[in-house]
Protein backbone atom coordinates (compact mmCIF):
# COMPACT_ATOMS: atom_id res chain seq x y z
CA MET A 1 38.87 96.49 92.96
CA PRO A 2 37.82 93.91 95.36
CA PRO A 3 39.97 93.17 98.45
CA SER A 4 42.56 90.86 97.92
CA SER A 5 42.04 87.31 99.91
CA PRO A 6 44.26 86.60 102.71
CA ARG A 7 47.15 84.44 101.99
CA ARG A 8 46.66 80.91 102.20
CA LEU A 9 48.40 78.53 104.61
CA SER A 10 50.66 75.93 103.06
CA LEU A 11 50.19 72.27 103.92
CA GLN A 12 53.28 72.31 105.82
CA GLN A 13 52.19 75.03 108.10
CA ILE A 14 48.84 73.49 108.78
CA VAL A 15 50.24 69.98 109.57
CA GLU A 16 52.78 71.78 111.91
CA SER A 17 49.87 73.93 113.74
CA ARG A 18 48.18 70.69 114.07
CA ARG A 19 51.28 68.87 115.70
CA ARG A 20 51.67 71.93 117.98
CA ALA A 21 48.21 72.06 119.06
CA ALA A 22 48.75 68.16 120.46
CA PHE A 23 51.79 68.80 122.45
CA VAL A 24 51.08 68.19 125.94
CA GLY A 25 53.02 68.06 129.10
CA ARG A 26 56.60 69.29 129.36
CA VAL A 27 55.65 72.60 131.43
CA ALA A 28 58.36 72.66 133.76
CA GLU A 29 60.91 72.04 130.85
CA LEU A 30 59.08 75.03 128.61
CA GLY A 31 59.15 77.33 131.58
CA LEU A 32 62.71 76.93 132.27
CA PHE A 33 64.03 77.65 128.52
CA ARG A 34 61.32 80.37 128.10
CA ALA A 35 62.78 81.85 131.70
CA ASN A 36 66.28 81.79 130.06
CA PHE A 37 65.16 84.42 127.34
CA MET A 38 64.27 86.96 129.97
CA LEU A 39 67.71 87.16 131.73
CA PRO A 40 70.26 89.09 130.24
CA PRO A 41 73.59 87.10 128.92
CA GLU A 42 75.05 89.13 131.71
CA ASP A 43 73.05 87.53 134.47
CA PRO A 44 74.91 84.92 136.42
CA ARG A 45 71.56 82.65 136.34
CA HIS A 46 71.55 82.77 132.31
CA ARG A 47 72.56 79.69 130.73
CA PHE A 48 74.30 79.61 127.06
CA VAL A 49 73.95 75.97 126.74
CA PHE A 50 71.11 73.37 127.01
CA HIS A 51 71.31 69.76 127.05
CA VAL A 52 68.19 67.70 127.00
CA ARG A 53 68.95 64.04 127.81
CA GLY A 54 66.92 60.70 128.03
CA ASN A 55 66.26 57.35 126.68
CA ALA A 56 64.89 56.97 122.93
CA GLY A 57 61.25 57.82 122.44
CA VAL A 58 61.08 60.17 125.35
CA GLY A 59 60.10 62.83 123.64
CA LYS A 60 63.41 64.90 122.93
CA THR A 61 62.50 65.95 119.50
CA SER A 62 59.31 66.97 120.32
CA LEU A 63 60.49 69.14 123.16
CA LEU A 64 63.04 70.77 120.91
CA ARG A 65 60.56 71.76 118.36
CA GLU A 66 58.66 73.48 121.10
CA TRP A 67 62.08 75.58 122.20
CA ARG A 68 62.54 76.65 119.01
CA GLN A 69 58.96 77.55 118.66
CA ALA A 70 59.59 79.47 122.25
CA ALA A 71 62.77 81.21 121.15
CA GLY A 72 61.23 82.37 117.93
CA GLU A 73 58.39 84.05 120.08
CA PHE A 74 61.33 86.02 121.79
CA GLY A 75 62.45 87.19 118.33
CA ALA A 76 65.36 84.88 117.78
CA LEU A 77 67.02 83.53 114.41
CA THR A 78 67.01 79.85 114.80
CA ALA A 79 68.44 76.99 112.83
CA SER A 80 68.48 73.15 113.75
CA ALA A 81 70.44 70.44 112.62
CA ASP A 82 70.17 66.36 113.22
CA GLU A 83 72.43 63.13 112.37
CA SER A 84 71.66 63.93 108.97
CA ALA A 85 74.30 66.49 109.37
CA ASP A 86 77.25 64.30 110.73
CA SER A 87 80.00 66.51 110.02
CA VAL A 88 81.17 70.33 110.73
CA PRO A 89 80.72 71.43 107.35
CA ASP A 90 77.32 69.70 106.98
CA VAL A 91 76.12 71.51 110.06
CA LEU A 92 77.49 75.11 109.18
CA ALA A 93 75.60 74.48 105.58
CA ALA A 94 72.56 73.39 107.63
CA PHE A 95 72.45 76.52 109.59
CA ALA A 96 73.22 78.81 106.91
CA GLU A 97 70.45 77.74 104.51
CA GLN A 98 67.89 78.16 107.44
CA PHE A 99 69.41 81.34 108.31
CA ALA A 100 68.93 82.62 104.53
CA GLU A 101 65.43 81.53 104.61
CA GLN A 102 64.61 83.78 107.44
CA GLY A 103 66.10 86.87 106.02
CA HIS A 104 69.70 86.59 107.28
CA PRO A 105 72.13 85.08 104.73
CA LEU A 106 75.58 84.13 105.84
CA LYS A 107 77.29 85.17 102.58
CA ALA A 108 80.78 84.90 103.21
CA LEU A 109 80.34 81.19 104.26
CA ASP A 110 78.23 80.41 101.65
CA ARG A 111 80.57 81.32 99.28
CA LEU A 112 83.07 79.50 101.26
CA LEU A 113 81.19 76.29 101.57
CA ALA A 114 80.33 76.49 98.06
CA THR A 115 84.25 76.64 97.12
CA TYR A 116 84.60 73.96 99.53
CA ARG A 117 81.85 71.51 97.72
CA ARG A 118 83.21 72.57 94.05
CA ALA A 119 87.02 71.67 95.41
CA LEU A 120 85.96 68.33 96.74
CA HIS A 121 84.44 67.44 93.12
CA GLU A 122 87.31 68.92 91.63
CA ALA A 123 89.81 66.75 93.64
CA ALA A 124 87.75 63.65 93.21
CA GLY A 125 87.90 64.19 89.48
CA ARG A 126 91.76 64.87 89.41
CA LEU A 127 92.87 62.01 91.77
CA ALA A 128 90.55 59.60 89.83
CA ALA A 129 91.86 60.33 86.49
CA ASP A 130 95.23 59.99 88.12
CA ASN A 131 95.44 56.30 87.41
CA GLU A 132 99.47 56.22 86.81
CA GLY A 133 101.74 55.36 89.37
CA ALA A 134 101.78 53.22 92.28
CA GLY A 135 98.85 53.41 95.10
CA PRO A 136 99.60 54.47 98.28
CA SER A 137 101.39 52.42 100.96
CA PRO A 138 99.37 50.76 103.84
CA GLY A 139 101.12 53.13 106.19
CA ALA A 140 100.33 56.34 104.09
CA LEU A 141 96.97 55.31 103.88
CA ALA A 142 96.39 54.82 107.50
CA ALA A 143 98.07 58.23 108.29
CA ALA A 144 96.10 60.12 105.46
CA GLN A 145 92.83 58.88 106.79
CA ALA A 146 93.55 59.55 110.33
CA GLY A 147 94.69 63.16 109.49
CA LEU A 148 91.51 63.64 107.38
CA ILE A 149 89.04 62.19 110.30
CA ALA A 150 90.96 64.46 112.53
CA ALA A 151 90.34 67.44 110.09
CA GLY A 152 86.36 66.46 109.63
CA ALA A 153 86.75 65.55 106.04
CA ILE A 154 85.71 61.88 105.58
CA PRO A 155 82.31 62.40 106.79
CA VAL A 156 81.84 65.35 104.45
CA VAL A 157 83.29 63.57 101.63
CA GLY A 158 80.20 61.31 101.09
CA ALA A 159 77.71 64.02 102.18
CA LEU A 160 79.01 66.60 100.02
CA ALA A 161 80.59 64.81 97.13
CA GLY A 162 78.70 61.81 96.47
CA GLY A 163 81.15 59.66 97.74
CA ILE A 164 85.12 59.47 97.41
CA ASP A 165 86.94 56.34 97.99
CA PRO A 166 89.40 57.42 101.02
CA ALA A 167 92.12 55.62 99.02
CA VAL A 168 91.81 58.07 96.22
CA VAL A 169 91.77 60.98 98.55
CA ALA A 170 94.62 59.31 100.79
CA ARG A 171 96.67 59.11 97.32
CA GLY A 172 97.06 62.96 97.08
CA ALA A 173 96.44 63.87 100.98
CA GLY A 174 99.90 64.82 101.20
CA GLY A 175 100.22 66.87 97.90
CA LEU A 176 97.03 68.50 97.72
CA ARG A 177 98.88 71.56 96.91
CA ALA A 178 100.63 69.76 93.73
CA VAL A 179 97.05 68.34 92.72
CA PHE A 180 95.60 71.97 92.55
CA GLY A 181 98.49 74.03 91.34
CA GLY A 182 100.73 76.72 92.87
CA ARG A 183 98.56 79.94 92.54
CA ALA A 184 97.35 81.68 95.52
CA ARG A 185 93.42 80.54 95.09
CA GLN A 186 94.06 76.91 94.38
CA VAL A 187 96.75 77.18 97.68
CA GLU A 188 93.69 78.20 99.73
CA GLU A 189 91.47 75.77 98.50
CA ALA A 190 94.06 73.11 98.94
CA ARG A 191 94.01 73.92 102.65
CA LEU A 192 90.13 74.33 102.96
CA LEU A 193 90.17 70.56 101.95
CA ALA A 194 92.81 69.71 104.22
CA GLU A 195 91.71 71.58 107.20
CA PRO A 196 87.66 72.38 106.42
CA VAL A 197 86.99 72.95 110.08
CA GLN A 198 89.70 75.40 110.86
CA VAL A 199 88.81 77.27 107.70
CA LEU A 200 85.26 77.24 108.05
CA THR A 201 84.58 77.99 111.54
CA PRO A 202 86.21 81.25 112.23
CA VAL A 203 84.06 82.79 108.86
CA PHE A 204 81.00 81.10 110.49
CA VAL A 205 81.42 82.77 114.05
CA ALA A 206 82.51 86.20 111.95
CA GLU A 207 78.85 85.78 110.46
CA LEU A 208 77.13 84.64 113.19
CA ASP A 209 78.33 87.82 114.99
CA ARG A 210 77.35 89.83 112.41
CA VAL A 211 73.66 88.83 112.40
CA ALA A 212 73.44 88.62 115.92
CA ASP A 213 73.74 92.38 116.15
CA SER A 214 70.26 92.71 114.31
CA VAL A 215 68.20 90.02 116.24
CA PRO A 216 67.42 90.15 119.87
CA TRP A 217 68.58 86.21 120.06
CA VAL A 218 70.37 83.52 117.92
CA ALA A 219 69.20 80.03 119.29
CA LEU A 220 71.02 76.88 117.70
CA PHE A 221 69.72 73.13 118.21
CA LEU A 222 71.36 70.15 117.79
CA ASP A 223 68.89 66.73 117.81
CA THR A 224 69.95 62.91 118.09
CA TYR A 225 73.33 64.35 119.46
CA GLU A 226 74.42 60.85 120.82
CA ARG A 227 74.79 60.21 116.83
CA THR A 228 76.60 63.25 115.99
CA ALA A 229 78.53 63.50 119.24
CA PRO A 230 81.64 61.77 117.87
CA GLN A 231 81.96 64.54 114.96
CA LEU A 232 80.89 67.36 116.82
CA ASP A 233 81.59 67.34 120.67
CA ARG A 234 85.55 68.62 120.07
CA TRP A 235 84.19 70.99 117.83
CA LEU A 236 81.55 72.64 120.08
CA ALA A 237 83.92 72.53 123.15
CA ASP A 238 86.36 74.60 120.99
CA LEU A 239 83.74 76.87 119.68
CA LEU A 240 82.78 77.73 123.15
CA THR A 241 86.57 78.22 124.38
CA PRO A 242 87.76 81.85 124.23
CA GLY A 243 89.78 83.21 121.45
CA ARG A 244 89.85 79.65 119.53
CA TYR A 245 87.88 80.36 116.56
CA GLY A 246 86.89 83.64 117.18
CA GLU A 247 84.45 85.47 119.87
CA LEU A 248 81.21 84.35 119.94
CA PRO A 249 78.02 86.77 120.40
CA ALA A 250 76.70 86.89 124.00
CA ASN A 251 72.74 86.59 122.47
CA LEU A 252 73.51 83.02 121.50
CA VAL A 253 72.12 80.09 122.91
CA LEU A 254 73.02 76.27 122.10
CA THR A 255 70.76 73.54 122.53
CA LEU A 256 71.73 69.77 122.36
CA ALA A 257 69.51 66.73 122.84
CA GLY A 258 70.75 63.20 123.17
CA GLN A 259 70.68 59.80 125.19
CA ARG A 260 73.55 60.32 127.44
CA ARG A 261 75.32 62.65 129.55
CA LEU A 262 77.72 65.34 128.10
CA ASP A 263 81.26 63.73 127.56
CA PRO A 264 83.48 65.24 130.99
CA ALA A 265 86.43 65.31 128.78
CA HIS A 266 85.28 67.73 126.59
CA TRP A 267 82.34 69.31 128.74
CA GLY A 268 83.77 69.11 132.32
CA ASP A 269 85.13 72.84 132.62
CA ARG A 270 81.83 74.06 130.85
CA GLY A 271 79.42 72.84 133.25
CA ARG A 272 78.61 76.56 134.60
CA LEU A 273 77.50 77.25 130.89
CA VAL A 274 75.20 74.38 130.63
CA ALA A 275 71.62 73.53 131.91
CA ASP A 276 71.08 69.85 132.26
CA VAL A 277 67.89 68.72 131.48
CA PRO A 278 67.06 65.29 132.06
CA LEU A 279 63.68 64.07 130.05
CA GLY A 280 61.93 61.21 132.13
CA PRO A 281 58.40 59.80 131.17
CA PHE A 282 55.40 61.22 131.24
CA THR A 283 53.47 61.84 134.74
CA GLU A 284 50.01 60.03 134.65
CA ALA A 285 48.48 63.44 134.35
CA GLU A 286 50.40 64.04 131.30
CA SER A 287 49.60 60.83 129.53
CA ARG A 288 46.19 61.34 130.73
CA GLN A 289 46.00 64.64 128.93
CA LEU A 290 47.95 63.68 125.75
CA LEU A 291 45.06 60.43 125.54
CA HIS A 292 42.72 63.14 126.16
CA GLU A 293 43.65 65.39 123.14
CA ARG A 294 43.39 62.32 120.95
CA GLY A 295 40.02 61.61 121.98
CA VAL A 296 40.73 58.18 124.28
CA VAL A 297 38.69 58.90 127.36
CA ALA A 298 37.07 55.79 128.35
CA GLU A 299 38.38 55.07 131.82
CA PRO A 300 39.32 51.32 131.17
CA VAL A 301 41.00 51.78 127.79
CA VAL A 302 42.85 54.82 129.70
CA ARG A 303 44.00 52.60 132.22
CA GLU A 304 45.17 49.78 130.28
CA VAL A 305 47.34 52.54 128.00
CA LEU A 306 48.93 54.12 131.11
CA ARG A 307 49.63 49.97 132.16
CA LEU A 308 51.25 49.30 128.73
CA SER A 309 52.86 52.37 128.18
CA GLY A 310 54.83 53.09 131.30
CA GLY A 311 54.51 57.08 130.71
CA LEU A 312 56.84 56.61 127.50
CA PRO A 313 55.26 59.49 125.17
CA VAL A 314 56.17 57.55 121.94
CA LEU A 315 54.27 54.55 123.33
CA VAL A 316 51.17 56.71 124.70
CA SER A 317 50.96 58.21 121.33
CA THR A 318 51.11 54.99 119.62
CA LEU A 319 48.20 53.52 121.68
CA ALA A 320 46.26 56.88 121.75
CA ALA A 321 46.17 56.12 117.96
CA ASN A 322 44.94 52.65 118.14
CA PRO A 323 44.70 51.64 122.09
CA GLY A 324 43.87 47.87 120.65
CA ALA A 325 47.10 47.57 118.83
CA ALA A 326 49.28 46.70 121.64
CA GLY A 327 51.70 44.27 119.77
CA GLU A 328 52.20 46.91 117.04
CA ALA A 329 52.85 49.54 119.50
CA ASN A 330 55.51 47.49 121.57
CA ALA A 331 57.15 46.80 118.05
CA THR A 332 57.49 50.61 117.43
CA ALA A 333 58.61 51.75 120.83
CA VAL A 334 61.29 48.42 120.44
CA GLU A 335 62.22 50.03 116.90
CA ARG A 336 62.73 53.53 118.68
CA PHE A 337 65.10 51.77 121.29
CA LEU A 338 67.30 50.21 118.72
CA ALA A 339 67.05 52.30 115.97
CA GLY A 340 70.90 52.98 116.18
CA GLU A 341 71.50 49.16 115.62
CA SER A 342 71.44 47.45 112.29
CA ASP A 343 72.73 44.04 112.98
CA PRO A 344 69.93 41.69 113.49
CA ALA A 345 71.97 39.21 116.04
CA ARG A 346 72.53 42.23 118.46
CA ARG A 347 69.07 43.29 118.23
CA ALA A 348 68.18 39.76 119.12
CA ALA A 349 70.11 39.65 121.91
CA ALA A 350 69.25 42.82 123.48
CA LEU A 351 65.62 41.76 123.32
CA ALA A 352 67.15 38.46 125.13
CA CYS A 353 68.77 40.60 127.92
CA ALA A 354 65.84 42.33 128.96
CA LEU A 355 64.64 39.02 130.32
CA PRO A 356 66.34 38.95 133.51
CA ARG A 357 65.54 41.81 136.13
CA ARG A 358 69.20 42.47 136.40
CA PHE A 359 72.12 41.16 134.70
CA ASP A 360 76.16 40.52 134.87
CA GLU A 361 78.32 38.60 132.17
CA ASP A 362 77.12 34.91 132.96
CA LEU A 363 73.53 35.87 133.12
CA VAL A 364 74.15 37.24 129.77
CA ALA A 365 75.47 34.34 128.26
CA VAL A 366 72.38 32.03 129.57
CA ALA A 367 70.11 34.62 128.00
CA VAL A 368 71.97 34.60 124.78
CA PRO A 369 73.54 31.02 124.63
CA PRO A 370 77.27 31.56 123.04
CA ASP A 371 76.49 28.70 120.75
CA GLY A 372 72.98 29.83 119.97
CA PRO A 373 71.71 31.59 116.84
CA HIS A 374 71.83 34.90 118.08
CA ALA A 375 75.54 34.64 119.57
CA VAL A 376 77.50 38.02 119.64
CA PRO A 377 80.96 38.43 120.01
CA GLY A 378 81.86 41.26 122.96
CA LEU A 379 78.10 41.03 123.93
CA TYR A 380 78.16 42.24 127.35
CA ASP A 381 80.53 44.92 126.83
CA TRP A 382 78.14 46.17 123.97
CA LEU A 383 74.93 45.93 126.37
CA LEU A 384 76.88 48.19 129.11
CA GLU A 385 77.55 50.95 126.21
CA LEU A 386 73.71 51.03 125.33
CA PRO A 387 72.13 54.30 126.77
CA PHE A 388 69.14 52.74 128.33
CA VAL A 389 71.14 50.38 130.57
CA ALA A 390 71.26 51.54 134.29
CA GLU A 391 74.17 50.80 136.63
CA PRO A 392 76.27 49.92 134.22
CA TYR A 393 79.88 48.01 135.39
CA SER A 394 78.05 47.36 138.87
CA GLY A 395 77.93 43.66 138.14
CA ARG A 396 73.99 44.29 138.43
CA SER A 397 72.91 46.15 135.37
CA ARG A 398 69.73 46.38 134.02
CA TYR A 399 67.29 47.75 131.59
CA HIS A 400 65.37 51.41 132.28
CA ALA A 401 61.50 50.13 133.00
CA VAL A 402 60.32 52.19 130.41
CA VAL A 403 62.65 50.46 127.83
CA ARG A 404 62.43 46.92 129.49
CA ALA A 405 58.77 46.56 129.58
CA PRO A 406 57.85 47.09 125.63
CA MET A 407 60.79 44.61 125.08
CA LEU A 408 59.37 41.83 127.41
CA ARG A 409 55.54 42.38 125.86
CA LEU A 410 57.10 41.93 122.63
CA GLN A 411 58.89 38.69 123.49
CA ARG A 412 55.92 37.40 125.27
CA THR A 413 53.50 37.71 122.70
CA GLY A 414 55.78 36.88 119.64
CA SER A 415 56.71 33.90 120.58
CA PRO A 416 55.34 32.29 123.73
CA ARG A 417 57.60 29.06 123.42
CA ARG A 418 60.74 31.03 123.54
CA TRP A 419 59.79 33.28 126.14
CA LYS A 420 59.04 30.05 128.35
CA ALA A 421 62.27 28.30 127.23
CA ALA A 422 64.27 31.49 128.15
CA HIS A 423 62.96 32.07 131.62
CA ASP A 424 63.55 28.05 132.34
CA ARG A 425 66.96 28.65 131.91
CA LEU A 426 67.55 31.85 133.62
CA ALA A 427 65.53 29.85 136.60
CA GLU A 428 68.14 27.24 136.33
CA ALA A 429 70.86 29.83 136.62
CA PHE A 430 69.60 31.24 139.81
CA ALA A 431 68.88 27.90 141.24
CA ALA A 432 72.68 27.27 140.51
CA ARG A 433 73.21 30.25 142.33
CA ARG A 434 71.13 29.65 145.17
CA ASP A 435 72.23 26.46 145.92
CA ALA A 436 75.95 27.81 145.91
CA ALA A 437 75.06 30.41 148.27
CA ALA A 438 73.35 27.79 151.18
CA GLU A 439 76.58 26.02 151.10
CA GLY A 440 77.40 26.01 155.32
CA ILE A 441 74.40 27.98 156.34
CA ASP A 442 71.50 26.63 158.62
CA PRO A 443 68.27 26.01 156.68
CA GLU A 444 66.81 28.21 159.11
CA ARG A 445 68.47 31.18 158.26
CA LEU A 446 68.91 31.19 154.58
CA TRP A 447 66.12 33.77 154.01
CA ALA A 448 68.32 36.03 156.32
CA GLU A 449 71.21 35.63 154.09
CA GLN A 450 71.43 38.17 151.21
CA PRO A 451 72.92 36.25 148.53
CA TRP A 452 70.60 33.17 149.02
CA ARG A 453 67.28 35.39 149.19
CA ARG A 454 68.35 37.39 145.95
CA ALA A 455 68.67 34.42 144.13
CA ALA A 456 65.72 32.49 145.49
CA LEU A 457 63.72 35.48 144.47
CA ASP A 458 65.23 35.50 141.27
CA VAL A 459 64.41 31.85 140.67
CA LEU A 460 60.60 32.61 141.80
CA TYR A 461 60.42 35.34 139.51
CA HIS A 462 61.26 33.54 136.29
CA GLN A 463 59.35 30.46 137.15
CA LEU A 464 56.42 32.83 137.65
CA CYS A 465 56.94 34.16 134.29
CA ALA A 466 57.46 30.73 132.57
CA ARG A 467 54.55 28.98 134.13
CA PRO A 468 52.53 31.38 136.60
CA ARG A 469 49.65 28.94 137.51
CA ILE A 470 52.09 25.93 138.28
CA ALA A 471 54.86 28.09 139.88
CA LEU A 472 51.91 30.23 142.18
CA PRO A 473 51.86 27.82 145.10
CA GLU A 474 55.49 27.56 145.42
CA ALA A 475 56.24 31.08 145.43
CA LEU A 476 53.25 31.72 148.41
CA ARG A 477 55.20 28.79 150.29
CA ALA A 478 58.29 30.85 150.05
CA GLY A 479 56.49 33.50 151.49
CA ILE A 480 55.62 31.70 154.35
CA GLU A 481 58.97 30.44 154.87
CA LEU A 482 60.33 34.31 154.68
CA PHE A 483 57.73 35.35 157.22
CA ALA A 484 58.78 32.72 159.78
CA GLN A 485 62.62 33.60 159.28
CA ARG A 486 63.07 37.26 157.88
CA PRO A 487 59.73 39.15 157.97
CA SER A 488 61.20 42.46 157.62
CA ARG A 489 62.46 41.14 153.80
CA ALA A 490 58.79 40.36 152.72
CA ARG A 491 58.51 43.55 150.47
CA HIS A 492 60.99 42.16 148.29
CA TRP A 493 59.21 38.81 147.98
CA ALA A 494 55.72 40.53 147.19
CA ARG A 495 57.35 43.01 144.95
CA THR A 496 58.83 39.72 143.01
CA LEU A 497 55.28 38.89 142.68
CA VAL A 498 53.94 42.30 141.47
CA ASP A 499 57.21 42.09 138.77
CA ALA A 500 56.24 38.81 137.82
CA GLY A 501 52.43 39.73 137.46
CA GLU A 502 53.23 42.99 135.29
CA ASP A 503 55.69 41.18 133.09
CA ALA A 504 54.04 37.98 132.61
CA ASP A 505 50.68 39.95 132.05
CA ASN A 506 49.00 37.54 134.29
CA ALA A 507 45.74 39.20 136.42
CA VAL A 508 46.27 36.47 139.14
CA LEU A 509 49.50 37.11 139.89
CA ARG A 510 49.26 41.26 139.73
CA GLU A 511 46.39 40.64 142.21
CA TRP A 512 48.27 38.56 144.63
CA GLY A 513 51.51 40.71 144.24
CA ARG A 514 49.48 43.95 144.97
CA ASP A 515 47.56 42.65 147.82
CA LEU A 516 50.33 41.28 149.46
CA LEU A 517 52.78 44.47 149.05
CA ALA A 518 49.78 46.50 150.38
CA ALA A 519 49.66 44.04 153.57
CA VAL A 520 53.02 44.36 154.01
CA THR A 521 53.59 48.10 153.26
CA ASP A 522 50.72 48.93 155.91
CA HIS A 523 51.80 46.59 158.62
CA GLY A 524 55.82 47.02 158.59
CA PRO A 525 57.90 44.42 159.36
CA ARG A 526 54.83 42.51 160.76
CA PRO A 527 53.43 39.45 158.80
CA THR A 528 50.19 39.19 160.39
CA ALA A 529 47.99 40.41 157.61
CA ALA A 530 49.84 39.08 154.67
CA LEU A 531 49.78 35.53 156.62
CA GLY A 532 46.12 36.36 156.82
CA LEU A 533 45.67 36.89 153.16
CA LEU A 534 47.45 33.42 152.38
CA LEU A 535 45.39 31.62 155.12
CA THR A 536 41.97 32.76 154.03
CA ARG A 537 42.62 32.97 149.75
CA ALA A 538 45.50 30.81 148.82
CA GLU A 539 45.18 26.89 148.39
CA LEU A 540 47.53 25.38 150.82
CA THR A 541 48.59 22.16 151.97
CA ASP A 542 48.04 20.99 155.05
CA THR A 543 51.89 21.25 155.90
CA ASP A 544 51.90 25.16 154.39
CA ARG A 545 48.81 26.00 156.36
CA ALA A 546 50.47 24.87 159.62
CA ALA A 547 53.55 26.77 159.02
CA ALA A 548 51.56 30.05 158.33
CA LEU A 549 49.78 29.35 161.54
CA VAL A 550 53.08 29.05 163.51
CA ALA A 551 54.72 32.08 161.79
CA ARG A 552 51.67 34.14 162.89
CA ALA A 553 51.46 32.56 166.47
CA TRP A 554 55.22 33.54 166.98
CA ASP A 555 54.56 37.16 165.80
CA ARG A 556 51.63 37.60 167.92
CA PHE A 557 53.59 36.42 170.81
CA ARG A 558 56.70 38.71 169.98
CA ALA A 559 54.19 41.31 169.84
CA GLY A 560 52.54 40.01 173.48
CA GLU A 561 49.57 39.91 171.90
CA THR A 562 48.15 36.68 173.73
CA ALA A 563 44.64 36.78 173.11
CA PRO A 564 43.23 33.81 170.83
CA ALA A 565 43.39 34.98 166.93
CA PRO A 566 40.27 34.58 165.22
CA PRO A 567 40.30 31.52 163.36
CA PRO A 568 40.17 32.00 159.33
CA PRO A 569 36.84 31.69 157.84
CA SER A 570 35.26 28.09 156.95
CA GLY A 571 35.19 26.89 153.92
CA SER A 572 37.98 29.65 152.73
CA CYS A 573 40.04 28.47 149.68
């Protein structure tokens, strides 16, 4: 009899093995998670909850897949759910199904979930068939809906019963027992419908405790938690509360992944249980490793991908697949950042508000005019709730750099005309602030005053973004004035040129900004080196050249350097 052939891998197994082989980076995060399984639950260093957080597209889902694989290598029974399971019963059903696939069915929970589904359908049928009598009053409907939402029933209705009108459910919410009859089983089903979380959770905990005795570890994963937290946050916090739903097994490890920090109202006193794992962009080494794995090895292409991606894994991956499709990659990244927002006006407004380096409510009104086509009521408050907005409520909020960069590129390449017009509006708004800040101040001291200087640099930034070639001479002239008045602040001016060069994708601006920033950095507050660059390379008017020479002379005089300085090369431009 010929030997049996080895079992063939499934298509899904082959795809998964290729995906895992392509995973790069996150060595520290993988090590942290693996090390936790080497510590007994009694060890004070052991953590029972991991929370991975970071902006959309930063690689949280990929890391969770690797962590789940790592947990399996330690013998863990694993299960995961994402935003498709947006209620407690849905999450429990997903966990139970995956446990059964691994040979550990949760039979008691499965039976109760089956009862729950059947009862939902029966209740829907009976209530829908009951067309006699008046509908519920508005007050009764509101109370019934509030109770069902608190019990977790409203989201489940749509997922498990194919959609039941809340008004229909509310009609019988106050008398479910009457709908089902008075027998014991029917009364229990009525309570299951009215209080699914309270009825299902103790059974889940008991089943979890049972299967945990037969495996080294149990590892549960909840991805896209920023979307499901409103439904699950309170439940999970209660689940970890001793005695609330029963005793959890000590070999349980729970992992959450979302964009925001955990709500301190629910998790504040459980911090000792949680390992907080903020996830940032790829390092250059990690980005290069991924590109190498994808066959992108030409150094000019690698450098361009590094510059365009900002280290954001989803953008590095997209550009690695097609290094020449920068516009498509930008659109893909922006879609990921705004994936949770379906309102086209809000999406357009979020893109427009990426234009200023920092924003407040007044600047939002300039970026998105209230009488324009993309006006959104309450836009500023909505922006502050976006997960990629840093320093909210500070009055100078900003988008995280890895999110802002592809948004800017998408707008710059999508409509150059709108790009220029928007930057012109912002430049005018900052010019008004600059002029207001100049009132009562000696013109020879303007650059020493922070409000004026900050507004003036933002005017330069937006002018350079709108018209790099035309605005550059004015920006260089401003630098000469700054060197004469406040050379210690020259770094902010040079950084403005760097930012404008990157955001406008202008090579001349990038080169000027990089060289001036290096000159200022290397020589501290002294402007001699930077002024030398301006005198030898810039097309200065006679007035500007004289001002630069005077500023350099005063700097040398203050430093005690009385020897004549070498003249600039003849014929320089």
